[in-house]
Structures are given as C-alpha cells and as structure tokens.
mmCIF file of all heavy atoms, coordinates in Angstrom:
data_MODEL
# 
_entry.id   MODEL 
# 
loop_
_atom_site.group_PDB 
_atom_site.id 
_atom_site.type_symbol 
_atom_site.label_atom_id 
_atom_site.label_alt_id 
_atom_site.label_comp_id 
_atom_site.label_asym_id 
_atom_site.label_entity_id 
_atom_site.label_seq_id 
_atom_site.pdbx_PDB_ins_code 
_atom_site.Cartn_x 
_atom_site.Cartn_y 
_atom_site.Cartn_z 
_atom_site.occupancy 
_atom_site.B_iso_or_equiv 
_atom_site.pdbx_formal_charge 
_atom_site.auth_seq_id 
_atom_site.auth_comp_id 
_atom_site.auth_asym_id 
_atom_site.auth_atom_id 
_atom_site.pdbx_PDB_model_num 
ATOM 1   N N   . GLU A 1 1  ? 127.837 23.565 12.110  1.00 0.00 ? 1  GLU A N   1 
ATOM 2   C CA  . GLU A 1 1  ? 127.096 24.792 11.798  1.00 0.00 ? 1  GLU A CA  1 
ATOM 3   C C   . GLU A 1 1  ? 125.840 24.425 11.022  1.00 0.00 ? 1  GLU A C   1 
ATOM 4   O O   . GLU A 1 1  ? 125.900 23.745 10.004  1.00 0.00 ? 1  GLU A O   1 
ATOM 5   C CB  . GLU A 1 1  ? 127.952 25.747 10.962  1.00 0.00 ? 1  GLU A CB  1 
ATOM 6   C CG  . GLU A 1 1  ? 129.088 26.385 11.723  1.00 0.00 ? 1  GLU A CG  1 
ATOM 7   C CD  . GLU A 1 1  ? 128.620 27.489 12.660  1.00 0.00 ? 1  GLU A CD  1 
ATOM 8   O OE1 . GLU A 1 1  ? 127.597 28.135 12.380  1.00 0.00 ? 1  GLU A OE1 1 
ATOM 9   O OE2 . GLU A 1 1  ? 129.287 27.689 13.676  1.00 0.00 ? 1  GLU A OE2 1 
ATOM 10  N N   . GLY A 1 2  ? 124.709 24.855 11.508  1.00 0.00 ? 2  GLY A N   1 
ATOM 11  C CA  . GLY A 1 2  ? 123.445 24.536 10.858  1.00 0.00 ? 2  GLY A CA  1 
ATOM 12  C C   . GLY A 1 2  ? 123.063 25.565 9.817   1.00 0.00 ? 2  GLY A C   1 
ATOM 13  O O   . GLY A 1 2  ? 123.680 26.622 9.682   1.00 0.00 ? 2  GLY A O   1 
ATOM 14  N N   . LEU A 1 3  ? 122.041 25.251 9.094   1.00 0.00 ? 3  LEU A N   1 
ATOM 15  C CA  . LEU A 1 3  ? 121.523 26.142 8.063   1.00 0.00 ? 3  LEU A CA  1 
ATOM 16  C C   . LEU A 1 3  ? 120.125 26.579 8.465   1.00 0.00 ? 3  LEU A C   1 
ATOM 17  O O   . LEU A 1 3  ? 119.370 25.812 9.061   1.00 0.00 ? 3  LEU A O   1 
ATOM 18  C CB  . LEU A 1 3  ? 121.491 25.434 6.711   1.00 0.00 ? 3  LEU A CB  1 
ATOM 19  C CG  . LEU A 1 3  ? 122.834 24.924 6.203   1.00 0.00 ? 3  LEU A CG  1 
ATOM 20  C CD1 . LEU A 1 3  ? 122.645 24.122 4.923   1.00 0.00 ? 3  LEU A CD1 1 
ATOM 21  C CD2 . LEU A 1 3  ? 123.786 26.072 5.966   1.00 0.00 ? 3  LEU A CD2 1 
ATOM 22  N N   . LEU A 1 4  ? 119.764 27.786 8.118   1.00 0.00 ? 4  LEU A N   1 
ATOM 23  C CA  . LEU A 1 4  ? 118.448 28.321 8.427   1.00 0.00 ? 4  LEU A CA  1 
ATOM 24  C C   . LEU A 1 4  ? 117.588 28.349 7.170   1.00 0.00 ? 4  LEU A C   1 
ATOM 25  O O   . LEU A 1 4  ? 118.101 28.559 6.066   1.00 0.00 ? 4  LEU A O   1 
ATOM 26  C CB  . LEU A 1 4  ? 118.579 29.741 8.975   1.00 0.00 ? 4  LEU A CB  1 
ATOM 27  C CG  . LEU A 1 4  ? 119.319 29.857 10.302  1.00 0.00 ? 4  LEU A CG  1 
ATOM 28  C CD1 . LEU A 1 4  ? 119.566 31.323 10.632  1.00 0.00 ? 4  LEU A CD1 1 
ATOM 29  C CD2 . LEU A 1 4  ? 118.540 29.190 11.405  1.00 0.00 ? 4  LEU A CD2 1 
ATOM 30  N N   . PRO A 1 5  ? 116.277 28.143 7.327   1.00 0.00 ? 5  PRO A N   1 
ATOM 31  C CA  . PRO A 1 5  ? 115.398 28.206 6.162   1.00 0.00 ? 5  PRO A CA  1 
ATOM 32  C C   . PRO A 1 5  ? 115.310 29.634 5.623   1.00 0.00 ? 5  PRO A C   1 
ATOM 33  O O   . PRO A 1 5  ? 115.226 30.595 6.385   1.00 0.00 ? 5  PRO A O   1 
ATOM 34  C CB  . PRO A 1 5  ? 114.046 27.735 6.696   1.00 0.00 ? 5  PRO A CB  1 
ATOM 35  C CG  . PRO A 1 5  ? 114.107 27.951 8.163   1.00 0.00 ? 5  PRO A CG  1 
ATOM 36  C CD  . PRO A 1 5  ? 115.554 27.849 8.557   1.00 0.00 ? 5  PRO A CD  1 
ATOM 37  N N   . LYS A 1 6  ? 115.364 29.761 4.318   1.00 0.00 ? 6  LYS A N   1 
ATOM 38  C CA  . LYS A 1 6  ? 115.241 31.046 3.626   1.00 0.00 ? 6  LYS A CA  1 
ATOM 39  C C   . LYS A 1 6  ? 114.372 30.846 2.393   1.00 0.00 ? 6  LYS A C   1 
ATOM 40  O O   . LYS A 1 6  ? 114.139 29.719 1.957   1.00 0.00 ? 6  LYS A O   1 
ATOM 41  C CB  . LYS A 1 6  ? 116.625 31.561 3.177   1.00 0.00 ? 6  LYS A CB  1 
ATOM 42  C CG  . LYS A 1 6  ? 117.611 31.800 4.295   1.00 0.00 ? 6  LYS A CG  1 
ATOM 43  C CD  . LYS A 1 6  ? 117.230 33.006 5.107   1.00 0.00 ? 6  LYS A CD  1 
ATOM 44  C CE  . LYS A 1 6  ? 118.262 33.259 6.206   1.00 0.00 ? 6  LYS A CE  1 
ATOM 45  N NZ  . LYS A 1 6  ? 117.913 34.409 7.013   1.00 0.00 ? 6  LYS A NZ  1 
ATOM 46  N N   . LEU A 1 7  ? 113.915 31.927 1.821   1.00 0.00 ? 7  LEU A N   1 
ATOM 47  C CA  . LEU A 1 7  ? 113.205 31.904 0.546   1.00 0.00 ? 7  LEU A CA  1 
ATOM 48  C C   . LEU A 1 7  ? 113.939 32.815 -0.422  1.00 0.00 ? 7  LEU A C   1 
ATOM 49  O O   . LEU A 1 7  ? 114.420 33.885 -0.040  1.00 0.00 ? 7  LEU A O   1 
ATOM 50  C CB  . LEU A 1 7  ? 111.768 32.391 0.707   1.00 0.00 ? 7  LEU A CB  1 
ATOM 51  C CG  . LEU A 1 7  ? 110.851 31.530 1.560   1.00 0.00 ? 7  LEU A CG  1 
ATOM 52  C CD1 . LEU A 1 7  ? 109.478 32.182 1.679   1.00 0.00 ? 7  LEU A CD1 1 
ATOM 53  C CD2 . LEU A 1 7  ? 110.719 30.133 0.996   1.00 0.00 ? 7  LEU A CD2 1 
ATOM 54  N N   . VAL A 1 8  ? 114.022 32.396 -1.668  1.00 0.00 ? 8  VAL A N   1 
ATOM 55  C CA  . VAL A 1 8  ? 114.601 33.226 -2.715  1.00 0.00 ? 8  VAL A CA  1 
ATOM 56  C C   . VAL A 1 8  ? 113.446 33.669 -3.615  1.00 0.00 ? 8  VAL A C   1 
ATOM 57  O O   . VAL A 1 8  ? 112.771 32.839 -4.230  1.00 0.00 ? 8  VAL A O   1 
ATOM 58  C CB  . VAL A 1 8  ? 115.661 32.462 -3.536  1.00 0.00 ? 8  VAL A CB  1 
ATOM 59  C CG1 . VAL A 1 8  ? 116.233 33.364 -4.623  1.00 0.00 ? 8  VAL A CG1 1 
ATOM 60  C CG2 . VAL A 1 8  ? 116.760 31.914 -2.638  1.00 0.00 ? 8  VAL A CG2 1 
ATOM 61  N N   . ILE A 1 9  ? 113.215 34.958 -3.648  1.00 0.00 ? 9  ILE A N   1 
ATOM 62  C CA  . ILE A 1 9  ? 112.169 35.528 -4.491  1.00 0.00 ? 9  ILE A CA  1 
ATOM 63  C C   . ILE A 1 9  ? 112.862 36.103 -5.722  1.00 0.00 ? 9  ILE A C   1 
ATOM 64  O O   . ILE A 1 9  ? 113.689 37.003 -5.608  1.00 0.00 ? 9  ILE A O   1 
ATOM 65  C CB  . ILE A 1 9  ? 111.385 36.621 -3.752  1.00 0.00 ? 9  ILE A CB  1 
ATOM 66  C CG1 . ILE A 1 9  ? 110.779 36.047 -2.465  1.00 0.00 ? 9  ILE A CG1 1 
ATOM 67  C CG2 . ILE A 1 9  ? 110.317 37.219 -4.660  1.00 0.00 ? 9  ILE A CG2 1 
ATOM 68  C CD1 . ILE A 1 9  ? 110.176 37.096 -1.559  1.00 0.00 ? 9  ILE A CD1 1 
ATOM 69  N N   . SER A 1 10 ? 112.537 35.561 -6.894  1.00 0.00 ? 10 SER A N   1 
ATOM 70  C CA  . SER A 1 10 ? 113.171 35.988 -8.142  1.00 0.00 ? 10 SER A CA  1 
ATOM 71  C C   . SER A 1 10 ? 112.148 36.665 -9.032  1.00 0.00 ? 10 SER A C   1 
ATOM 72  O O   . SER A 1 10 ? 110.996 36.226 -9.109  1.00 0.00 ? 10 SER A O   1 
ATOM 73  C CB  . SER A 1 10 ? 113.747 34.780 -8.891  1.00 0.00 ? 10 SER A CB  1 
ATOM 74  O OG  . SER A 1 10 ? 114.667 34.089 -8.094  1.00 0.00 ? 10 SER A OG  1 
ATOM 75  N N   . MET A 1 11 ? 112.593 37.731 -9.702  1.00 0.00 ? 11 MET A N   1 
ATOM 76  C CA  . MET A 1 11 ? 111.706 38.416 -10.634 1.00 0.00 ? 11 MET A CA  1 
ATOM 77  C C   . MET A 1 11 ? 112.524 39.190 -11.650 1.00 0.00 ? 11 MET A C   1 
ATOM 78  O O   . MET A 1 11 ? 113.682 39.543 -11.389 1.00 0.00 ? 11 MET A O   1 
ATOM 79  C CB  . MET A 1 11 ? 110.767 39.356 -9.884  1.00 0.00 ? 11 MET A CB  1 
ATOM 80  C CG  . MET A 1 11 ? 111.472 40.483 -9.188  1.00 0.00 ? 11 MET A CG  1 
ATOM 81  S SD  . MET A 1 11 ? 110.455 41.290 -7.951  1.00 0.00 ? 11 MET A SD  1 
ATOM 82  C CE  . MET A 1 11 ? 110.564 40.102 -6.652  1.00 0.00 ? 11 MET A CE  1 
ATOM 83  N N   . ILE A 1 12 ? 111.929 39.422 -12.793 1.00 0.00 ? 12 ILE A N   1 
ATOM 84  C CA  . ILE A 1 12 ? 112.534 40.244 -13.834 1.00 0.00 ? 12 ILE A CA  1 
ATOM 85  C C   . ILE A 1 12 ? 111.713 41.531 -13.910 1.00 0.00 ? 12 ILE A C   1 
ATOM 86  O O   . ILE A 1 12 ? 110.484 41.483 -13.979 1.00 0.00 ? 12 ILE A O   1 
ATOM 87  C CB  . ILE A 1 12 ? 112.508 39.537 -15.208 1.00 0.00 ? 12 ILE A CB  1 
ATOM 88  C CG1 . ILE A 1 12 ? 113.103 38.131 -15.125 1.00 0.00 ? 12 ILE A CG1 1 
ATOM 89  C CG2 . ILE A 1 12 ? 113.215 40.394 -16.260 1.00 0.00 ? 12 ILE A CG2 1 
ATOM 90  C CD1 . ILE A 1 12 ? 114.541 38.068 -14.702 1.00 0.00 ? 12 ILE A CD1 1 
ATOM 91  N N   . VAL A 1 13 ? 112.401 42.667 -13.883 1.00 0.00 ? 13 VAL A N   1 
ATOM 92  C CA  . VAL A 1 13 ? 111.696 43.948 -13.923 1.00 0.00 ? 13 VAL A CA  1 
ATOM 93  C C   . VAL A 1 13 ? 112.279 44.828 -15.022 1.00 0.00 ? 13 VAL A C   1 
ATOM 94  O O   . VAL A 1 13 ? 113.439 44.679 -15.399 1.00 0.00 ? 13 VAL A O   1 
ATOM 95  C CB  . VAL A 1 13 ? 111.764 44.693 -12.569 1.00 0.00 ? 13 VAL A CB  1 
ATOM 96  C CG1 . VAL A 1 13 ? 111.114 43.890 -11.467 1.00 0.00 ? 13 VAL A CG1 1 
ATOM 97  C CG2 . VAL A 1 13 ? 113.184 45.062 -12.200 1.00 0.00 ? 13 VAL A CG2 1 
ATOM 98  N N   . GLU A 1 14 ? 111.466 45.730 -15.507 1.00 0.00 ? 14 GLU A N   1 
ATOM 99  C CA  . GLU A 1 14 ? 111.946 46.734 -16.451 1.00 0.00 ? 14 GLU A CA  1 
ATOM 100 C C   . GLU A 1 14 ? 112.857 47.688 -15.685 1.00 0.00 ? 14 GLU A C   1 
ATOM 101 O O   . GLU A 1 14 ? 112.689 47.897 -14.485 1.00 0.00 ? 14 GLU A O   1 
ATOM 102 C CB  . GLU A 1 14 ? 110.761 47.487 -17.052 1.00 0.00 ? 14 GLU A CB  1 
ATOM 103 C CG  . GLU A 1 14 ? 109.842 46.600 -17.873 1.00 0.00 ? 14 GLU A CG  1 
ATOM 104 C CD  . GLU A 1 14 ? 108.628 47.351 -18.385 1.00 0.00 ? 14 GLU A CD  1 
ATOM 105 O OE1 . GLU A 1 14 ? 108.696 48.601 -18.503 1.00 0.00 ? 14 GLU A OE1 1 
ATOM 106 O OE2 . GLU A 1 14 ? 107.624 46.696 -18.666 1.00 0.00 ? 14 GLU A OE2 1 
ATOM 107 N N   . ASN A 1 15 ? 113.816 48.271 -16.371 1.00 0.00 ? 15 ASN A N   1 
ATOM 108 C CA  . ASN A 1 15 ? 114.785 49.159 -15.722 1.00 0.00 ? 15 ASN A CA  1 
ATOM 109 C C   . ASN A 1 15 ? 114.121 50.285 -14.937 1.00 0.00 ? 15 ASN A C   1 
ATOM 110 O O   . ASN A 1 15 ? 114.576 50.644 -13.857 1.00 0.00 ? 15 ASN A O   1 
ATOM 111 C CB  . ASN A 1 15 ? 115.758 49.734 -16.749 1.00 0.00 ? 15 ASN A CB  1 
ATOM 112 C CG  . ASN A 1 15 ? 116.684 48.678 -17.315 1.00 0.00 ? 15 ASN A CG  1 
ATOM 113 O OD1 . ASN A 1 15 ? 116.904 47.632 -16.712 1.00 0.00 ? 15 ASN A OD1 1 
ATOM 114 N ND2 . ASN A 1 15 ? 117.232 48.941 -18.482 1.00 0.00 ? 15 ASN A ND2 1 
ATOM 115 N N   . ASN A 1 16 ? 113.023 50.815 -15.463 1.00 0.00 ? 16 ASN A N   1 
ATOM 116 C CA  . ASN A 1 16 ? 112.373 51.934 -14.790 1.00 0.00 ? 16 ASN A CA  1 
ATOM 117 C C   . ASN A 1 16 ? 111.621 51.517 -13.519 1.00 0.00 ? 16 ASN A C   1 
ATOM 118 O O   . ASN A 1 16 ? 111.209 52.375 -12.748 1.00 0.00 ? 16 ASN A O   1 
ATOM 119 C CB  . ASN A 1 16 ? 111.432 52.674 -15.746 1.00 0.00 ? 16 ASN A CB  1 
ATOM 120 C CG  . ASN A 1 16 ? 110.289 51.815 -16.232 1.00 0.00 ? 16 ASN A CG  1 
ATOM 121 O OD1 . ASN A 1 16 ? 110.284 50.602 -16.073 1.00 0.00 ? 16 ASN A OD1 1 
ATOM 122 N ND2 . ASN A 1 16 ? 109.315 52.450 -16.843 1.00 0.00 ? 16 ASN A ND2 1 
ATOM 123 N N   . MET A 1 17 ? 111.440 50.226 -13.292 1.00 0.00 ? 17 MET A N   1 
ATOM 124 C CA  . MET A 1 17 ? 110.768 49.720 -12.085 1.00 0.00 ? 17 MET A CA  1 
ATOM 125 C C   . MET A 1 17 ? 111.752 49.206 -11.038 1.00 0.00 ? 17 MET A C   1 
ATOM 126 O O   . MET A 1 17 ? 111.343 48.811 -9.945  1.00 0.00 ? 17 MET A O   1 
ATOM 127 C CB  . MET A 1 17 ? 109.802 48.594 -12.455 1.00 0.00 ? 17 MET A CB  1 
ATOM 128 C CG  . MET A 1 17 ? 108.547 49.046 -13.132 1.00 0.00 ? 17 MET A CG  1 
ATOM 129 S SD  . MET A 1 17 ? 107.473 49.988 -12.021 1.00 0.00 ? 17 MET A SD  1 
ATOM 130 C CE  . MET A 1 17 ? 106.952 48.719 -10.885 1.00 0.00 ? 17 MET A CE  1 
ATOM 131 N N   . LEU A 1 18 ? 113.041 49.237 -11.341 1.00 0.00 ? 18 LEU A N   1 
ATOM 132 C CA  . LEU A 1 18 ? 114.035 48.614 -10.458 1.00 0.00 ? 18 LEU A CA  1 
ATOM 133 C C   . LEU A 1 18 ? 114.036 49.209 -9.054  1.00 0.00 ? 18 LEU A C   1 
ATOM 134 O O   . LEU A 1 18 ? 113.850 48.494 -8.072  1.00 0.00 ? 18 LEU A O   1 
ATOM 135 C CB  . LEU A 1 18 ? 115.426 48.713 -11.084 1.00 0.00 ? 18 LEU A CB  1 
ATOM 136 C CG  . LEU A 1 18 ? 116.552 48.082 -10.261 1.00 0.00 ? 18 LEU A CG  1 
ATOM 137 C CD1 . LEU A 1 18 ? 116.348 46.589 -10.120 1.00 0.00 ? 18 LEU A CD1 1 
ATOM 138 C CD2 . LEU A 1 18 ? 117.894 48.384 -10.900 1.00 0.00 ? 18 LEU A CD2 1 
ATOM 139 N N   . GLU A 1 19 ? 114.232 50.509 -8.936  1.00 0.00 ? 19 GLU A N   1 
ATOM 140 C CA  . GLU A 1 19 ? 114.339 51.134 -7.610  1.00 0.00 ? 19 GLU A CA  1 
ATOM 141 C C   . GLU A 1 19 ? 113.046 50.999 -6.812  1.00 0.00 ? 19 GLU A C   1 
ATOM 142 O O   . GLU A 1 19 ? 113.074 50.729 -5.609  1.00 0.00 ? 19 GLU A O   1 
ATOM 143 C CB  . GLU A 1 19 ? 114.753 52.601 -7.733  1.00 0.00 ? 19 GLU A CB  1 
ATOM 144 C CG  . GLU A 1 19 ? 116.185 52.784 -8.180  1.00 0.00 ? 19 GLU A CG  1 
ATOM 145 C CD  . GLU A 1 19 ? 117.209 52.081 -7.299  1.00 0.00 ? 19 GLU A CD  1 
ATOM 146 O OE1 . GLU A 1 19 ? 117.075 52.122 -6.060  1.00 0.00 ? 19 GLU A OE1 1 
ATOM 147 O OE2 . GLU A 1 19 ? 118.134 51.469 -7.860  1.00 0.00 ? 19 GLU A OE2 1 
ATOM 148 N N   . LYS A 1 20 ? 111.927 51.167 -7.474  1.00 0.00 ? 20 LYS A N   1 
ATOM 149 C CA  . LYS A 1 20 ? 110.621 51.053 -6.801  1.00 0.00 ? 20 LYS A CA  1 
ATOM 150 C C   . LYS A 1 20 ? 110.422 49.636 -6.260  1.00 0.00 ? 20 LYS A C   1 
ATOM 151 O O   . LYS A 1 20 ? 109.911 49.441 -5.156  1.00 0.00 ? 20 LYS A O   1 
ATOM 152 C CB  . LYS A 1 20 ? 109.523 51.417 -7.808  1.00 0.00 ? 20 LYS A CB  1 
ATOM 153 C CG  . LYS A 1 20 ? 108.175 51.630 -7.226  1.00 0.00 ? 20 LYS A CG  1 
ATOM 154 C CD  . LYS A 1 20 ? 107.225 52.128 -8.318  1.00 0.00 ? 20 LYS A CD  1 
ATOM 155 C CE  . LYS A 1 20 ? 105.901 52.521 -7.740  1.00 0.00 ? 20 LYS A CE  1 
ATOM 156 N NZ  . LYS A 1 20 ? 104.980 53.032 -8.756  1.00 0.00 ? 20 LYS A NZ  1 
ATOM 157 N N   . THR A 1 21 ? 110.841 48.634 -7.026  1.00 0.00 ? 21 THR A N   1 
ATOM 158 C CA  . THR A 1 21 ? 110.706 47.237 -6.612  1.00 0.00 ? 21 THR A CA  1 
ATOM 159 C C   . THR A 1 21 ? 111.623 46.936 -5.438  1.00 0.00 ? 21 THR A C   1 
ATOM 160 O O   . THR A 1 21 ? 111.206 46.283 -4.463  1.00 0.00 ? 21 THR A O   1 
ATOM 161 C CB  . THR A 1 21 ? 111.009 46.300 -7.795  1.00 0.00 ? 21 THR A CB  1 
ATOM 162 O OG1 . THR A 1 21 ? 110.159 46.645 -8.889  1.00 0.00 ? 21 THR A OG1 1 
ATOM 163 C CG2 . THR A 1 21 ? 110.781 44.856 -7.427  1.00 0.00 ? 21 THR A CG2 1 
ATOM 164 N N   . ILE A 1 22 ? 112.855 47.403 -5.500  1.00 0.00 ? 22 ILE A N   1 
ATOM 165 C CA  . ILE A 1 22 ? 113.799 47.189 -4.399  1.00 0.00 ? 22 ILE A CA  1 
ATOM 166 C C   . ILE A 1 22 ? 113.268 47.826 -3.115  1.00 0.00 ? 22 ILE A C   1 
ATOM 167 O O   . ILE A 1 22 ? 113.298 47.206 -2.046  1.00 0.00 ? 22 ILE A O   1 
ATOM 168 C CB  . ILE A 1 22 ? 115.186 47.758 -4.764  1.00 0.00 ? 22 ILE A CB  1 
ATOM 169 C CG1 . ILE A 1 22 ? 115.811 46.938 -5.884  1.00 0.00 ? 22 ILE A CG1 1 
ATOM 170 C CG2 . ILE A 1 22 ? 116.105 47.786 -3.537  1.00 0.00 ? 22 ILE A CG2 1 
ATOM 171 C CD1 . ILE A 1 22 ? 117.036 47.575 -6.500  1.00 0.00 ? 22 ILE A CD1 1 
ATOM 172 N N   . GLU A 1 23 ? 112.772 49.040 -3.213  1.00 0.00 ? 23 GLU A N   1 
ATOM 173 C CA  . GLU A 1 23 ? 112.222 49.728 -2.041  1.00 0.00 ? 23 GLU A CA  1 
ATOM 174 C C   . GLU A 1 23 ? 111.043 48.956 -1.446  1.00 0.00 ? 23 GLU A C   1 
ATOM 175 O O   . GLU A 1 23 ? 110.906 48.860 -0.223  1.00 0.00 ? 23 GLU A O   1 
ATOM 176 C CB  . GLU A 1 23 ? 111.791 51.147 -2.412  1.00 0.00 ? 23 GLU A CB  1 
ATOM 177 C CG  . GLU A 1 23 ? 112.949 52.077 -2.680  1.00 0.00 ? 23 GLU A CG  1 
ATOM 178 C CD  . GLU A 1 23 ? 112.513 53.422 -3.239  1.00 0.00 ? 23 GLU A CD  1 
ATOM 179 O OE1 . GLU A 1 23 ? 111.298 53.738 -3.209  1.00 0.00 ? 23 GLU A OE1 1 
ATOM 180 O OE2 . GLU A 1 23 ? 113.390 54.165 -3.716  1.00 0.00 ? 23 GLU A OE2 1 
ATOM 181 N N   . ALA A 1 24 ? 110.200 48.383 -2.295  1.00 0.00 ? 24 ALA A N   1 
ATOM 182 C CA  . ALA A 1 24 ? 109.046 47.621 -1.822  1.00 0.00 ? 24 ALA A CA  1 
ATOM 183 C C   . ALA A 1 24 ? 109.493 46.364 -1.061  1.00 0.00 ? 24 ALA A C   1 
ATOM 184 O O   . ALA A 1 24 ? 108.928 46.025 -0.018  1.00 0.00 ? 24 ALA A O   1 
ATOM 185 C CB  . ALA A 1 24 ? 108.148 47.236 -2.990  1.00 0.00 ? 24 ALA A CB  1 
# 
C-alpha cells in the first residue's frame, strides 16, 4: 500500500475566528 503526498496546514486562531476559518 502506497502513501499519497499531503500537506498539513497548522494555525492557531482565537475562539471567535474558529468557525469562519474552518469554513474558509
């Protein structure tokens, strides 16, 4: 079984920006 290339995008957000960031 092979592996596929992926990217992990990490960020820290304020609680009030969480849903907006996820939607984006």
